[in-house]
Amino acid sequence: MVKWSERLNTGLGEPGSIPEWLSLRFENTITAQFNGHTHKDEFQIFYSLDNVTRANNVAFNGGSGTTYSDVNTNYKVYTVDPSTWVRYYFTFQYALDSESWVFNLTEANLRPDLSPDWFKLYSFRQDYGVKNLLPAELDSLAHRMAANHTLIQQYQRFYVKIGDPSLENGCNDDCMRSRLCDIVTAESGDSTQCDLFKTEFETTFKKEKKNE
């Protein structure tokens, strides 16, 4: 496994940001990308430059130990197969699942003398209904989100780690479009995937409005 510290969507000249260039050049070596920085619980899919429909890498943002703004504290637990999580040539390893653990900041502040109650917010495989955390499977998940707006709303809840202020603000249609585009846009300024997925989103949106 190869890892580095990156800042999501940081363009550094042609042909694109360094993390994107590395993920494309060494896609058979880099298992996945694990980072922080945004304080949100999110993931981002990288696509091949030769075939814009082929997902070839994924970056997982772990959230944060600090609340930053309107979110809860969290930590992530990734499950891997210890028998294969060693770098062998011609052997591909990947994370099997991830769990997000949080505590409710509002409730914790009401009980400052007690330790916060941590609980598992979700399992990626179970709650998103995916087989694994490979790029192709997460690309399929993104397409399902474009067609199922309830699924995007679920992603939004996990994205803000069910922070009470964020849940109160809600997530309107523009918010859902933004979440979807964030997932599929690895290169700042490149709207190729965003435009494709927004078209899928709008098709579903029009059908929902027509049926109201």
C-alpha atoms as a PDB file:
ATOM      1  CA  MET A   1       0.000   0.000   0.000  1.00  0.00           C
ATOM      2  CA  VAL A   2       1.265   3.454  -0.872  1.00  0.00           C
ATOM      3  CA  LYS A   3       0.061   6.441   1.097  1.00  0.00           C
ATOM      4  CA  TRP A   4       0.717  10.167   1.216  1.00  0.00           C
ATOM      5  CA  SER A   5      -0.776  13.292   2.668  1.00  0.00           C
ATOM      6  CA  GLU A   6      -2.985  15.116   0.232  1.00  0.00           C
ATOM      7  CA  ARG A   7      -5.386  17.978   0.140  1.00  0.00           C
ATOM      8  CA  LEU A   8      -8.516  17.179  -1.835  1.00  0.00           C
ATOM      9  CA  ASN A   9      -9.069  19.124  -5.045  1.00  0.00           C
ATOM     10  CA  THR A  10      -5.779  21.010  -4.971  1.00  0.00           C
ATOM     11  CA  GLY A  11      -4.823  21.727  -8.568  1.00  0.00           C
ATOM     12  CA  LEU A  12      -1.073  21.944  -9.069  1.00  0.00           C
ATOM     13  CA  GLY A  13      -0.749  22.469 -12.798  1.00  0.00           C
ATOM     14  CA  GLU A  14      -0.924  20.165 -15.809  1.00  0.00           C
ATOM     15  CA  PRO A  15      -2.024  17.466 -16.179  1.00  0.00           C
ATOM     16  CA  GLY A  16      -3.747  17.888 -12.834  1.00  0.00           C
ATOM     17  CA  SER A  17      -3.219  17.681  -9.108  1.00  0.00           C
ATOM     18  CA  ILE A  18      -0.321  15.520  -7.951  1.00  0.00           C
ATOM     19  CA  PRO A  19      -2.558  13.001  -6.120  1.00  0.00           C
ATOM     20  CA  GLU A  20      -4.669  12.486  -9.247  1.00  0.00           C
ATOM     21  CA  TRP A  21      -1.596  12.086 -11.462  1.00  0.00           C
ATOM     22  CA  LEU A  22      -0.082   9.556  -9.061  1.00  0.00           C
ATOM     23  CA  SER A  23      -3.305   7.580  -8.736  1.00  0.00           C
ATOM     24  CA  LEU A  24      -3.544   7.308 -12.523  1.00  0.00           C
ATOM     25  CA  ARG A  25       0.110   6.475 -13.084  1.00  0.00           C
ATOM     26  CA  PHE A  26       0.291   3.862 -10.330  1.00  0.00           C
ATOM     27  CA  GLU A  27      -3.275   2.577 -10.214  1.00  0.00           C
ATOM     28  CA  ASN A  28      -2.031  -1.020 -10.037  1.00  0.00           C
ATOM     29  CA  THR A  29       0.074  -0.175  -6.984  1.00  0.00           C
ATOM     30  CA  ILE A  30      -2.025   2.286  -4.978  1.00  0.00           C
ATOM     31  CA  THR A  31      -4.728   0.386  -3.137  1.00  0.00           C
ATOM     32  CA  ALA A  32      -6.667   3.448  -2.012  1.00  0.00           C
ATOM     33  CA  GLN A  33      -6.108   6.878  -0.526  1.00  0.00           C
ATOM     34  CA  PHE A  34      -6.807   7.714   3.108  1.00  0.00           C
ATOM     35  CA  ASN A  35      -6.754  11.334   4.207  1.00  0.00           C
ATOM     36  CA  GLY A  36      -8.263  14.026   6.373  1.00  0.00           C
ATOM     37  CA  HIS A  37      -8.485  17.815   6.008  1.00  0.00           C
ATOM     38  CA  THR A  38     -12.176  18.472   5.246  1.00  0.00           C
ATOM     39  CA  HIS A  39     -13.563  17.346   8.644  1.00  0.00           C
ATOM     40  CA  LYS A  40     -16.365  15.600   6.740  1.00  0.00           C
ATOM     41  CA  ASP A  41     -16.927  11.862   6.340  1.00  0.00           C
ATOM     42  CA  GLU A  42     -16.747  11.458   2.582  1.00  0.00           C
ATOM     43  CA  PHE A  43     -15.180   9.619  -0.321  1.00  0.00           C
ATOM     44  CA  GLN A  44     -14.032  10.693  -3.764  1.00  0.00           C
ATOM     45  CA  ILE A  45     -13.749   8.624  -6.926  1.00  0.00           C
ATOM     46  CA  PHE A  46     -10.942   8.994  -9.475  1.00  0.00           C
ATOM     47  CA  TYR A  47     -11.607   8.194 -13.141  1.00  0.00           C
ATOM     48  CA  SER A  48      -9.331   7.194 -15.994  1.00  0.00           C
ATOM     49  CA  LEU A  49      -8.310   9.950 -18.390  1.00  0.00           C
ATOM     50  CA  ASP A  50      -8.594   7.504 -21.293  1.00  0.00           C
ATOM     51  CA  ASN A  51     -12.051   6.266 -20.332  1.00  0.00           C
ATOM     52  CA  VAL A  52     -14.117   8.716 -18.296  1.00  0.00           C
ATOM     53  CA  THR A  53     -16.549   5.981 -17.267  1.00  0.00           C
ATOM     54  CA  ARG A  54     -13.880   3.770 -15.661  1.00  0.00           C
ATOM     55  CA  ALA A  55     -13.238   4.395 -11.978  1.00  0.00           C
ATOM     56  CA  ASN A  56      -9.649   3.511 -11.095  1.00  0.00           C
ATOM     57  CA  ASN A  57      -9.092   4.765  -7.553  1.00  0.00           C
ATOM     58  CA  VAL A  58     -10.892   6.113  -4.529  1.00  0.00           C
ATOM     59  CA  ALA A  59      -9.964   8.480  -1.716  1.00  0.00           C
ATOM     60  CA  PHE A  60     -11.531   8.090   1.722  1.00  0.00           C
ATOM     61  CA  ASN A  61     -11.703  11.130   3.978  1.00  0.00           C
ATOM     62  CA  GLY A  62     -11.790  10.019   7.577  1.00  0.00           C
ATOM     63  CA  GLY A  63     -13.682  12.938   9.081  1.00  0.00           C
ATOM     64  CA  SER A  64     -12.045  14.495  12.134  1.00  0.00           C
ATOM     65  CA  GLY A  65     -11.431  14.338  15.836  1.00  0.00           C
ATOM     66  CA  THR A  66     -12.399  18.013  16.027  1.00  0.00           C
ATOM     67  CA  THR A  67     -15.918  19.218  15.317  1.00  0.00           C
ATOM     68  CA  TYR A  68     -14.890  22.219  13.192  1.00  0.00           C
ATOM     69  CA  SER A  69     -18.352  23.505  12.207  1.00  0.00           C
ATOM     70  CA  ASP A  70     -21.762  21.863  12.688  1.00  0.00           C
ATOM     71  CA  VAL A  71     -20.493  18.263  12.734  1.00  0.00           C
ATOM     72  CA  ASN A  72     -19.781  15.663  15.409  1.00  0.00           C
ATOM     73  CA  THR A  73     -16.449  14.138  16.317  1.00  0.00           C
ATOM     74  CA  ASN A  74     -15.755  10.786  14.686  1.00  0.00           C
ATOM     75  CA  TYR A  75     -13.156   8.160  13.956  1.00  0.00           C
ATOM     76  CA  LYS A  76     -13.061   5.464  11.284  1.00  0.00           C
ATOM     77  CA  VAL A  77     -12.231   1.772  11.528  1.00  0.00           C
ATOM     78  CA  TYR A  78     -11.188   0.018   8.308  1.00  0.00           C
ATOM     79  CA  THR A  79     -11.418  -3.748   7.987  1.00  0.00           C
ATOM     80  CA  VAL A  80      -8.811  -5.511   5.874  1.00  0.00           C
ATOM     81  CA  ASP A  81      -7.861  -9.136   5.277  1.00  0.00           C
ATOM     82  CA  PRO A  82      -4.589  -9.611   7.219  1.00  0.00           C
ATOM     83  CA  SER A  83      -3.639 -12.549   5.025  1.00  0.00           C
ATOM     84  CA  THR A  84      -3.480 -10.358   1.931  1.00  0.00           C
ATOM     85  CA  TRP A  85      -2.726  -6.870   3.283  1.00  0.00           C
ATOM     86  CA  VAL A  86       0.904  -7.124   2.254  1.00  0.00           C
ATOM     87  CA  ARG A  87       2.250  -5.692  -0.955  1.00  0.00           C
ATOM     88  CA  TYR A  88       2.918  -8.560  -3.346  1.00  0.00           C
ATOM     89  CA  TYR A  89       3.496  -8.057  -7.022  1.00  0.00           C
ATOM     90  CA  PHE A  90       0.427  -8.913  -9.107  1.00  0.00           C
ATOM     91  CA  THR A  91      -1.747  -9.135  -5.984  1.00  0.00           C
ATOM     92  CA  PHE A  92      -4.408  -6.496  -5.362  1.00  0.00           C
ATOM     93  CA  GLN A  93      -5.417  -5.685  -1.807  1.00  0.00           C
ATOM     94  CA  TYR A  94      -8.236  -3.433  -0.691  1.00  0.00           C
ATOM     95  CA  ALA A  95     -10.264  -2.468   2.361  1.00  0.00           C
ATOM     96  CA  LEU A  96     -13.191  -4.787   2.987  1.00  0.00           C
ATOM     97  CA  ASP A  97     -15.321  -2.334   4.961  1.00  0.00           C
ATOM     98  CA  SER A  98     -15.229   0.785   7.090  1.00  0.00           C
ATOM     99  CA  GLU A  99     -17.168   1.849  10.158  1.00  0.00           C
ATOM    100  CA  SER A 100     -17.699   5.363  11.453  1.00  0.00           C
ATOM    101  CA  TRP A 101     -17.951   5.898  15.203  1.00  0.00           C
ATOM    102  CA  VAL A 102     -19.295   9.164  16.629  1.00  0.00           C
ATOM    103  CA  PHE A 103     -20.739  10.801  19.692  1.00  0.00           C
ATOM    104  CA  ASN A 104     -23.428  13.485  19.809  1.00  0.00           C
ATOM    105  CA  LEU A 105     -21.809  16.799  20.721  1.00  0.00           C
ATOM    106  CA  THR A 106     -25.091  18.389  21.820  1.00  0.00           C
ATOM    107  CA  GLU A 107     -25.714  15.628  24.343  1.00  0.00           C
ATOM    108  CA  ALA A 108     -22.080  15.577  25.475  1.00  0.00           C
ATOM    109  CA  ASN A 109     -22.186  19.312  26.233  1.00  0.00           C
ATOM    110  CA  LEU A 110     -25.236  18.759  28.435  1.00  0.00           C
ATOM    111  CA  ARG A 111     -23.218  16.290  30.528  1.00  0.00           C
ATOM    112  CA  PRO A 112     -19.735  17.842  30.777  1.00  0.00           C
ATOM    113  CA  ASP A 113     -18.788  15.716  33.806  1.00  0.00           C
ATOM    114  CA  LEU A 114     -19.385  12.442  31.967  1.00  0.00           C
ATOM    115  CA  SER A 115     -17.516  10.778  29.138  1.00  0.00           C
ATOM    116  CA  PRO A 116     -19.314  11.000  25.787  1.00  0.00           C
ATOM    117  CA  ASP A 117     -21.271   7.993  24.564  1.00  0.00           C
ATOM    118  CA  TRP A 118     -19.575   6.703  21.434  1.00  0.00           C
ATOM    119  CA  PHE A 119     -21.658   4.605  19.040  1.00  0.00           C
ATOM    120  CA  LYS A 120     -21.305   3.134  15.578  1.00  0.00           C
ATOM    121  CA  LEU A 121     -22.990   5.429  13.087  1.00  0.00           C
ATOM    122  CA  TYR A 122     -22.781   3.101  10.119  1.00  0.00           C
ATOM    123  CA  SER A 123     -21.005   0.331   8.269  1.00  0.00           C
ATOM    124  CA  PHE A 124     -20.112   1.329   4.717  1.00  0.00           C
ATOM    125  CA  ARG A 125     -20.926  -2.059   3.192  1.00  0.00           C
ATOM    126  CA  GLN A 126     -24.094  -2.628   5.169  1.00  0.00           C
ATOM    127  CA  ASP A 127     -25.651   0.821   5.000  1.00  0.00           C
ATOM    128  CA  TYR A 128     -24.763   1.552   1.378  1.00  0.00           C
ATOM    129  CA  GLY A 129     -25.380  -2.000   0.189  1.00  0.00           C
ATOM    130  CA  VAL A 130     -22.027  -2.455  -1.549  1.00  0.00           C
ATOM    131  CA  LYS A 131     -20.021  -5.664  -1.983  1.00  0.00           C
ATOM    132  CA  ASN A 132     -16.649  -4.050  -1.318  1.00  0.00           C
ATOM    133  CA  LEU A 133     -14.844  -0.708  -1.364  1.00  0.00           C
ATOM    134  CA  LEU A 134     -13.276  -1.036  -4.808  1.00  0.00           C
ATOM    135  CA  PRO A 135     -13.523   1.923  -7.233  1.00  0.00           C
ATOM    136  CA  ALA A 136     -15.930   0.194  -9.633  1.00  0.00           C
ATOM    137  CA  GLU A 137     -18.301  -0.706  -6.810  1.00  0.00           C
ATOM    138  CA  LEU A 138     -18.276   2.853  -5.462  1.00  0.00           C
ATOM    139  CA  ASP A 139     -18.875   4.195  -8.963  1.00  0.00           C
ATOM    140  CA  SER A 140     -21.995   2.012  -9.076  1.00  0.00           C
ATOM    141  CA  LEU A 141     -22.987   3.450  -5.703  1.00  0.00           C
ATOM    142  CA  ALA A 142     -22.618   6.995  -7.052  1.00  0.00           C
ATOM    143  CA  HIS A 143     -24.904   6.127  -9.968  1.00  0.00           C
ATOM    144  CA  ARG A 144     -27.443   4.738  -7.516  1.00  0.00           C
ATOM    145  CA  MET A 145     -27.242   7.986  -5.569  1.00  0.00           C
ATOM    146  CA  ALA A 146     -27.970   9.950  -8.729  1.00  0.00           C
ATOM    147  CA  ALA A 147     -31.094   7.848  -9.269  1.00  0.00           C
ATOM    148  CA  ASN A 148     -32.146   7.573  -5.630  1.00  0.00           C
ATOM    149  CA  HIS A 149     -32.235  10.889  -3.818  1.00  0.00           C
ATOM    150  CA  THR A 150     -33.078   9.197  -0.525  1.00  0.00           C
ATOM    151  CA  LEU A 151     -29.648   7.571  -0.759  1.00  0.00           C
ATOM    152  CA  ILE A 152     -27.965  10.959  -1.213  1.00  0.00           C
ATOM    153  CA  GLN A 153     -29.800  12.244   1.855  1.00  0.00           C
ATOM    154  CA  GLN A 154     -28.441   9.281   3.790  1.00  0.00           C
ATOM    155  CA  TYR A 155     -24.951  10.125   2.516  1.00  0.00           C
ATOM    156  CA  GLN A 156     -25.467  13.723   3.653  1.00  0.00           C
ATOM    157  CA  ARG A 157     -26.326  12.557   7.180  1.00  0.00           C
ATOM    158  CA  PHE A 158     -23.154  10.499   7.343  1.00  0.00           C
ATOM    159  CA  TYR A 159     -21.178  13.294   5.635  1.00  0.00           C
ATOM    160  CA  VAL A 160     -21.966  15.695   8.509  1.00  0.00           C
ATOM    161  CA  LYS A 161     -21.727  12.849  11.037  1.00  0.00           C
ATOM    162  CA  ILE A 162     -25.335  13.550  12.098  1.00  0.00           C
ATOM    163  CA  GLY A 163     -24.309  16.898  13.555  1.00  0.00           C
ATOM    164  CA  ASP A 164     -27.470  18.483  14.958  1.00  0.00           C
ATOM    165  CA  PRO A 165     -26.967  21.956  13.381  1.00  0.00           C
ATOM    166  CA  SER A 166     -26.310  20.414   9.956  1.00  0.00           C
ATOM    167  CA  LEU A 167     -29.350  18.150  10.207  1.00  0.00           C
ATOM    168  CA  GLU A 168     -31.485  21.150  11.130  1.00  0.00           C
ATOM    169  CA  ASN A 169     -30.229  23.012   8.053  1.00  0.00           C
ATOM    170  CA  GLY A 170     -31.214  20.087   5.840  1.00  0.00           C
ATOM    171  CA  CYS A 171     -29.981  19.378   2.318  1.00  0.00           C
ATOM    172  CA  ASN A 172     -31.988  20.800  -0.583  1.00  0.00           C
ATOM    173  CA  ASP A 173     -31.696  19.907  -4.273  1.00  0.00           C
ATOM    174  CA  ASP A 174     -28.630  22.107  -4.800  1.00  0.00           C
ATOM    175  CA  CYS A 175     -27.006  20.532  -1.758  1.00  0.00           C
ATOM    176  CA  MET A 176     -27.652  17.036  -3.125  1.00  0.00           C
ATOM    177  CA  ARG A 177     -26.166  17.995  -6.494  1.00  0.00           C
ATOM    178  CA  SER A 178     -23.116  19.379  -4.712  1.00  0.00           C
ATOM    179  CA  ARG A 179     -22.616  16.189  -2.682  1.00  0.00           C
ATOM    180  CA  LEU A 180     -22.882  14.076  -5.822  1.00  0.00           C
ATOM    181  CA  CYS A 181     -20.406  16.230  -7.741  1.00  0.00           C
ATOM    182  CA  ASP A 182     -17.953  16.216  -4.839  1.00  0.00           C
ATOM    183  CA  ILE A 183     -17.916  12.420  -4.927  1.00  0.00           C
ATOM    184  CA  VAL A 184     -17.076  12.147  -8.627  1.00  0.00           C
ATOM    185  CA  THR A 185     -14.829  15.206  -9.108  1.00  0.00           C
ATOM    186  CA  ALA A 186     -11.202  14.489  -8.248  1.00  0.00           C
ATOM    187  CA  GLU A 187      -9.679  17.300 -10.301  1.00  0.00           C
ATOM    188  CA  SER A 188     -10.546  20.882  -9.429  1.00  0.00           C
ATOM    189  CA  GLY A 189     -12.057  22.635 -12.439  1.00  0.00           C
ATOM    190  CA  ASP A 190     -12.865  19.435 -14.343  1.00  0.00           C
ATOM    191  CA  SER A 191     -16.653  19.105 -14.452  1.00  0.00           C
ATOM    192  CA  THR A 192     -16.767  16.085 -16.786  1.00  0.00           C
ATOM    193  CA  GLN A 193     -18.058  13.600 -14.230  1.00  0.00           C
ATOM    194  CA  CYS A 194     -20.112  16.193 -12.397  1.00  0.00           C
ATOM    195  CA  ASP A 195     -22.022  17.042 -15.579  1.00  0.00           C
ATOM    196  CA  LEU A 196     -22.679  13.376 -16.353  1.00  0.00           C
ATOM    197  CA  PHE A 197     -23.989  12.592 -12.897  1.00  0.00           C
ATOM    198  CA  LYS A 198     -26.055  15.767 -12.673  1.00  0.00           C
ATOM    199  CA  THR A 199     -27.809  14.704 -15.874  1.00  0.00           C
ATOM    200  CA  GLU A 200     -28.765  11.431 -14.181  1.00  0.00           C
ATOM    201  CA  PHE A 201     -29.839  13.346 -11.091  1.00  0.00           C
ATOM    202  CA  GLU A 202     -32.040  15.727 -13.087  1.00  0.00           C
ATOM    203  CA  THR A 203     -33.732  12.841 -14.901  1.00  0.00           C
ATOM    204  CA  THR A 204     -34.790  11.354 -11.579  1.00  0.00           C
ATOM    205  CA  PHE A 205     -35.666  14.794 -10.208  1.00  0.00           C
ATOM    206  CA  LYS A 206     -38.066  15.467 -13.093  1.00  0.00           C
ATOM    207  CA  LYS A 207     -39.724  12.063 -12.664  1.00  0.00           C
ATOM    208  CA  GLU A 208     -40.230  12.719  -8.956  1.00  0.00           C
ATOM    209  CA  LYS A 209     -41.760  16.136  -9.628  1.00  0.00           C
ATOM    210  CA  LYS A 210     -44.042  14.683 -12.306  1.00  0.00           C
ATOM    211  CA  ASN A 211     -45.332  12.034  -9.904  1.00  0.00           C
ATOM    212  CA  GLU A 212     -46.098  14.529  -7.131  1.00  0.00           C
END
